[in-house]
Amino acid sequence: MEKRVTGLQFLWKVTMNNLGKYFEIFWLLSRYSVMTSMQSKVSVALFTVAKLIRFAMFFFFIYYLITHTNTIKGYSADQALIFFLTFSIIDSVSQALFREVYRFRQMVISGELNSVLVKPYPALLRVLVGGVDPMDLVISVGYVCMAAYILYFIPNISAVSLWLYAGFVVNSMVLAAAFHVAVLAFAIITTDVDHGILIYRDVVSAGRFPLEIYKEPMRSILTFVVPVGIMMSFPSQAVFGTLGILQGTVGVILSFGALWLSLGFWRIALRRYQSWGG
């Protein structure tokens, strides 16, 4: 029994040491990405202004729509805005963390991926989160502050509901990571990234509104087949108490299952990689 406990302690120590090492590498890559991005201050300013204008247009459109219809499928104007802000938070954070995926095609066709694969750390760390976008991170902080401000004035929001909300946002990021890993694997095989990313962005845009606005079977398809609902709607439903225990449990299982499958696909793609375009 003592040997078994000692073995588990050793495994835990090794795992935590590896996580610390990977986080240090992630931090170094992020610092380099931030310094590179800030070299062109005009581009940074224009990009940020464009993102804010786009957000403001959607925000006021939804606010105008809700205030002139009183409710949308039982949700008040403030609650509907939380759905939209949650979508914006998840979308913006995922773009910030996984920005390097958008540049992966050039890495494959130029052969730069060869040098990444021989580095003494997981290649997926470099190609998935190796180019954090600081502008999207800053904008995400603004979205979080707006959501917190609106939630403060919505009655019957408990601390447990807020913890559930935060937990399902993390679950959404797991699902977003799973999709981006699958896109990376697909890019190794086909050298195509743009179409996968465009399809992803078009599909997840359905999560700007509560999924209750969609009729069956479209609602179920967007929830469990193309898990837009799990990614974009479950956090808001959790904070408002409209998410069932079974739905939430299935959503978490599907998210981590999708991540496991995408990592398997990534390993298969690496075995098929033949350099200079796969």
Protein backbone atom coordinates (compact mmCIF):
# COMPACT_ATOMS: atom_id res chain seq x y z
CA MET A 1 0.00 0.00 0.00
CA GLU A 2 2.83 2.38 0.90
CA LYS A 3 4.60 1.60 -2.40
CA ARG A 4 1.37 2.33 -4.28
CA VAL A 5 0.96 5.69 -2.53
CA THR A 6 4.62 6.53 -3.20
CA GLY A 7 4.12 5.70 -6.88
CA LEU A 8 1.07 7.94 -7.13
CA GLN A 9 2.94 10.74 -5.41
CA PHE A 10 5.81 10.37 -7.88
CA LEU A 11 3.40 10.41 -10.83
CA TRP A 12 1.71 13.52 -9.46
CA LYS A 13 5.07 15.24 -8.97
CA VAL A 14 6.20 14.43 -12.52
CA THR A 15 2.88 15.65 -13.94
CA MET A 16 3.02 18.95 -12.05
CA ASN A 17 6.65 19.48 -13.07
CA ASN A 18 5.72 18.94 -16.73
CA LEU A 19 2.78 21.32 -16.44
CA GLY A 20 5.06 23.93 -14.92
CA LYS A 21 7.54 23.50 -17.75
CA TYR A 22 4.83 23.73 -20.41
CA PHE A 23 3.37 26.84 -18.79
CA GLU A 24 6.81 28.47 -18.80
CA ILE A 25 7.18 27.69 -22.52
CA PHE A 26 3.68 29.04 -23.15
CA TRP A 27 4.58 32.22 -21.26
CA LEU A 28 7.75 32.73 -23.31
CA LEU A 29 5.91 32.15 -26.59
CA SER A 30 3.17 34.56 -25.51
CA ARG A 31 5.67 37.28 -24.61
CA TYR A 32 7.32 36.92 -28.00
CA SER A 33 3.92 37.06 -29.74
CA VAL A 34 2.92 40.21 -27.84
CA MET A 35 6.22 41.95 -28.69
CA THR A 36 5.82 40.99 -32.35
CA SER A 37 2.23 42.23 -32.48
CA MET A 38 3.06 45.55 -30.84
CA GLN A 39 5.69 46.40 -33.45
CA SER A 40 2.94 47.76 -35.71
CA LYS A 41 0.98 50.07 -33.43
CA VAL A 42 -1.19 51.47 -36.25
CA SER A 43 -2.37 47.98 -37.25
CA VAL A 44 -3.08 47.13 -33.62
CA ALA A 45 -5.17 50.28 -33.18
CA LEU A 46 -7.14 49.75 -36.41
CA PHE A 47 -7.78 46.09 -35.58
CA THR A 48 -9.01 46.94 -32.09
CA VAL A 49 -11.28 49.74 -33.31
CA ALA A 50 -12.76 47.48 -36.00
CA LYS A 51 -13.49 44.75 -33.45
CA LEU A 52 -15.15 47.22 -31.09
CA ILE A 53 -17.29 48.72 -33.86
CA ARG A 54 -18.42 45.25 -34.92
CA PHE A 55 -19.26 44.33 -31.34
CA ALA A 56 -21.14 47.60 -30.74
CA MET A 57 -23.27 47.11 -33.87
CA PHE A 58 -24.33 43.61 -32.82
CA PHE A 59 -24.84 44.68 -29.20
CA PHE A 60 -27.18 47.56 -30.02
CA PHE A 61 -28.98 45.52 -32.67
CA ILE A 62 -29.76 42.80 -30.13
CA TYR A 63 -30.66 45.35 -27.47
CA TYR A 64 -33.03 47.14 -29.88
CA LEU A 65 -34.57 43.83 -30.94
CA ILE A 66 -35.15 42.64 -27.37
CA THR A 67 -36.45 45.93 -25.97
CA HIS A 68 -39.07 46.08 -28.73
CA THR A 69 -40.25 42.51 -28.16
CA ASN A 70 -40.08 42.54 -24.31
CA THR A 71 -38.77 38.97 -24.10
CA ILE A 72 -37.20 36.40 -26.38
CA LYS A 73 -38.34 32.86 -25.61
CA GLY A 74 -38.83 33.79 -21.96
CA TYR A 75 -35.55 35.64 -21.51
CA SER A 76 -35.51 39.33 -20.60
CA ALA A 77 -33.44 41.93 -22.42
CA ASP A 78 -30.64 41.73 -19.84
CA GLN A 79 -30.59 37.95 -19.98
CA ALA A 80 -30.46 37.94 -23.78
CA LEU A 81 -27.55 40.38 -23.63
CA ILE A 82 -25.74 37.93 -21.32
CA PHE A 83 -26.10 35.26 -24.01
CA PHE A 84 -24.53 37.62 -26.52
CA LEU A 85 -21.75 38.74 -24.15
CA THR A 86 -20.98 35.12 -23.25
CA PHE A 87 -20.69 34.32 -26.95
CA SER A 88 -18.37 37.32 -27.36
CA ILE A 89 -16.19 36.29 -24.40
CA ILE A 90 -15.76 32.70 -25.58
CA ASP A 91 -15.24 33.70 -29.20
CA SER A 92 -12.71 36.41 -28.35
CA VAL A 93 -10.71 34.35 -25.84
CA SER A 94 -10.55 31.37 -28.21
CA GLN A 95 -9.30 33.62 -31.00
CA ALA A 96 -6.72 35.13 -28.65
CA LEU A 97 -5.40 31.76 -27.43
CA PHE A 98 -5.57 29.86 -30.71
CA ARG A 99 -4.51 32.62 -33.12
CA GLU A 100 -1.49 30.56 -34.22
CA VAL A 101 -3.87 28.08 -35.86
CA TYR A 102 -4.73 30.75 -38.44
CA ARG A 103 -1.04 30.84 -39.48
CA PHE A 104 -0.49 27.08 -39.50
CA ARG A 105 -0.97 26.51 -43.23
CA GLN A 106 2.11 28.56 -44.08
CA MET A 107 4.09 26.62 -41.48
CA VAL A 108 3.16 23.35 -43.16
CA ILE A 109 3.75 24.29 -46.80
CA SER A 110 7.03 26.09 -46.04
CA GLY A 111 8.45 23.16 -44.07
CA GLU A 112 8.80 25.21 -40.89
CA LEU A 113 6.82 22.52 -39.10
CA ASN A 114 9.89 20.26 -39.41
CA SER A 115 11.86 22.46 -37.03
CA VAL A 116 8.92 22.59 -34.60
CA LEU A 117 8.65 18.80 -34.47
CA VAL A 118 12.25 18.36 -33.33
CA LYS A 119 11.94 20.82 -30.44
CA PRO A 120 12.14 19.28 -26.91
CA TYR A 121 8.52 20.10 -26.11
CA PRO A 122 5.17 19.04 -27.60
CA ALA A 123 4.68 20.45 -31.09
CA LEU A 124 0.99 20.97 -30.35
CA LEU A 125 1.92 23.51 -27.68
CA ARG A 126 3.69 25.63 -30.28
CA VAL A 127 1.17 25.40 -33.12
CA LEU A 128 -1.96 25.69 -30.96
CA VAL A 129 -1.18 28.37 -28.36
CA GLY A 130 2.17 29.68 -29.59
CA GLY A 131 0.88 33.01 -30.86
CA VAL A 132 -1.44 34.63 -28.31
CA ASP A 133 -3.21 37.72 -29.65
CA PRO A 134 -2.98 40.51 -27.03
CA MET A 135 -5.69 42.67 -28.65
CA ASP A 136 -8.33 39.98 -28.33
CA LEU A 137 -7.33 39.37 -24.72
CA VAL A 138 -7.75 43.05 -23.86
CA ILE A 139 -11.12 43.16 -25.60
CA SER A 140 -12.17 40.02 -23.73
CA VAL A 141 -11.56 41.77 -20.41
CA GLY A 142 -14.00 44.48 -21.52
CA TYR A 143 -16.62 41.86 -22.38
CA VAL A 144 -16.19 40.22 -18.97
CA CYS A 145 -16.64 43.56 -17.20
CA MET A 146 -19.82 44.29 -19.17
CA ALA A 147 -21.23 40.83 -18.40
CA ALA A 148 -20.42 41.23 -14.69
CA TYR A 149 -22.13 44.64 -14.64
CA ILE A 150 -25.34 43.30 -16.23
CA LEU A 151 -25.37 40.16 -14.05
CA TYR A 152 -25.15 42.37 -10.95
CA PHE A 153 -28.58 43.86 -11.75
CA ILE A 154 -30.29 40.57 -12.66
CA PRO A 155 -32.17 39.17 -9.64
CA ASN A 156 -31.85 35.65 -8.25
CA ILE A 157 -28.25 35.09 -9.37
CA SER A 158 -26.50 33.08 -6.65
CA ALA A 159 -22.83 32.40 -6.05
CA VAL A 160 -23.38 28.78 -7.10
CA SER A 161 -24.88 29.96 -10.39
CA LEU A 162 -21.83 32.14 -11.04
CA TRP A 163 -19.49 29.23 -10.33
CA LEU A 164 -21.48 27.07 -12.73
CA TYR A 165 -21.28 29.83 -15.32
CA ALA A 166 -17.50 30.03 -14.96
CA GLY A 167 -17.20 26.25 -15.11
CA PHE A 168 -19.19 25.98 -18.32
CA VAL A 169 -17.17 28.80 -19.88
CA VAL A 170 -14.06 26.70 -19.20
CA ASN A 171 -15.89 23.72 -20.69
CA SER A 172 -16.60 25.84 -23.77
CA MET A 173 -12.88 26.58 -24.11
CA VAL A 174 -12.18 22.82 -23.99
CA LEU A 175 -14.60 22.34 -26.87
CA ALA A 176 -13.06 25.24 -28.80
CA ALA A 177 -9.60 23.73 -28.25
CA ALA A 178 -10.87 20.38 -29.56
CA PHE A 179 -12.08 21.97 -32.78
CA HIS A 180 -8.84 23.90 -33.34
CA VAL A 181 -6.74 20.76 -32.75
CA ALA A 182 -8.87 18.95 -35.33
CA VAL A 183 -8.30 21.81 -37.80
CA LEU A 184 -4.53 21.54 -37.23
CA ALA A 185 -4.63 17.80 -37.87
CA PHE A 186 -6.72 18.30 -41.00
CA ALA A 187 -4.24 20.94 -42.19
CA ILE A 188 -1.33 18.50 -41.93
CA ILE A 189 -3.16 16.07 -44.20
CA THR A 190 -4.65 18.57 -46.69
CA THR A 191 -2.67 21.83 -46.06
CA ASP A 192 -6.03 23.60 -45.74
CA VAL A 193 -6.87 25.68 -42.67
CA ASP A 194 -8.95 28.59 -43.95
CA HIS A 195 -12.06 26.62 -44.90
CA GLY A 196 -12.21 24.79 -41.59
CA ILE A 197 -11.87 28.03 -39.62
CA LEU A 198 -14.50 29.79 -41.75
CA ILE A 199 -16.96 26.92 -41.26
CA TYR A 200 -16.30 27.01 -37.51
CA ARG A 201 -16.90 30.75 -37.25
CA ASP A 202 -20.07 30.60 -39.35
CA VAL A 203 -21.51 27.75 -37.30
CA VAL A 204 -20.72 29.17 -33.84
CA SER A 205 -22.28 32.51 -34.81
CA ALA A 206 -25.65 30.77 -34.27
CA GLY A 207 -24.84 30.96 -30.55
CA ARG A 208 -25.29 34.72 -30.33
CA PHE A 209 -28.92 34.12 -29.41
CA PRO A 210 -30.55 31.63 -27.00
CA LEU A 211 -30.93 28.27 -28.73
CA GLU A 212 -34.61 28.26 -27.76
CA ILE A 213 -35.30 30.47 -30.79
CA TYR A 214 -34.57 27.49 -33.05
CA LYS A 215 -37.17 24.81 -33.66
CA GLU A 216 -36.59 21.09 -33.38
CA PRO A 217 -34.71 19.23 -34.77
CA MET A 218 -32.40 22.20 -35.51
CA ARG A 219 -32.10 22.97 -31.78
CA SER A 220 -30.90 19.43 -30.96
CA ILE A 221 -28.52 19.43 -33.92
CA LEU A 222 -26.96 22.71 -32.78
CA THR A 223 -26.70 21.39 -29.23
CA PHE A 224 -25.33 17.87 -29.58
CA VAL A 225 -24.37 17.19 -33.23
CA VAL A 226 -22.75 20.55 -33.94
CA PRO A 227 -22.25 21.51 -30.29
CA VAL A 228 -22.82 25.25 -30.60
CA GLY A 229 -25.28 25.10 -27.71
CA ILE A 230 -22.80 23.39 -25.40
CA MET A 231 -20.16 25.97 -26.27
CA MET A 232 -22.17 29.19 -26.36
CA SER A 233 -25.53 28.69 -24.60
CA PHE A 234 -24.85 26.30 -21.70
CA PRO A 235 -22.93 28.87 -19.58
CA SER A 236 -25.80 31.37 -19.75
CA GLN A 237 -28.42 28.71 -19.20
CA ALA A 238 -26.48 27.52 -16.13
CA VAL A 239 -26.38 30.98 -14.56
CA PHE A 240 -30.13 31.48 -15.15
CA GLY A 241 -31.06 28.00 -13.87
CA THR A 242 -32.57 26.77 -17.14
CA LEU A 243 -29.94 24.08 -17.78
CA GLY A 244 -30.88 20.58 -16.68
CA ILE A 245 -28.42 18.40 -14.74
CA LEU A 246 -28.52 15.71 -17.45
CA GLN A 247 -27.92 18.28 -20.21
CA GLY A 248 -24.99 19.79 -18.36
CA THR A 249 -23.43 16.40 -17.64
CA VAL A 250 -23.77 15.28 -21.26
CA GLY A 251 -22.29 18.59 -22.38
CA VAL A 252 -19.17 18.15 -20.24
CA ILE A 253 -18.72 14.54 -21.36
CA LEU A 254 -19.09 15.50 -25.03
CA SER A 255 -16.60 18.36 -24.68
CA PHE A 256 -13.85 16.26 -23.14
CA GLY A 257 -14.70 13.40 -25.48
CA ALA A 258 -14.28 15.75 -28.45
CA LEU A 259 -10.90 16.87 -27.11
CA TRP A 260 -9.79 13.26 -26.70
CA LEU A 261 -10.86 12.42 -30.26
CA SER A 262 -9.18 15.50 -31.74
CA LEU A 263 -5.91 14.65 -29.97
CA GLY A 264 -6.14 11.15 -31.45
CA PHE A 265 -6.70 12.69 -34.89
CA TRP A 266 -3.65 14.92 -34.32
CA ARG A 267 -1.45 11.89 -33.57
CA ILE A 268 -2.72 10.12 -36.70
CA ALA A 269 -2.00 13.22 -38.80
CA LEU A 270 1.55 13.45 -37.45
CA ARG A 271 2.19 9.84 -38.45
CA ARG A 272 1.08 10.71 -41.99
CA TYR A 273 3.15 13.88 -42.16
CA GLN A 274 5.81 13.60 -44.88
CA SER A 275 7.32 17.11 -44.69
CA TRP A 276 6.89 19.94 -47.14
CA GLY A 277 3.11 19.84 -47.28
CA GLY A 278 2.18 16.51 -45.70
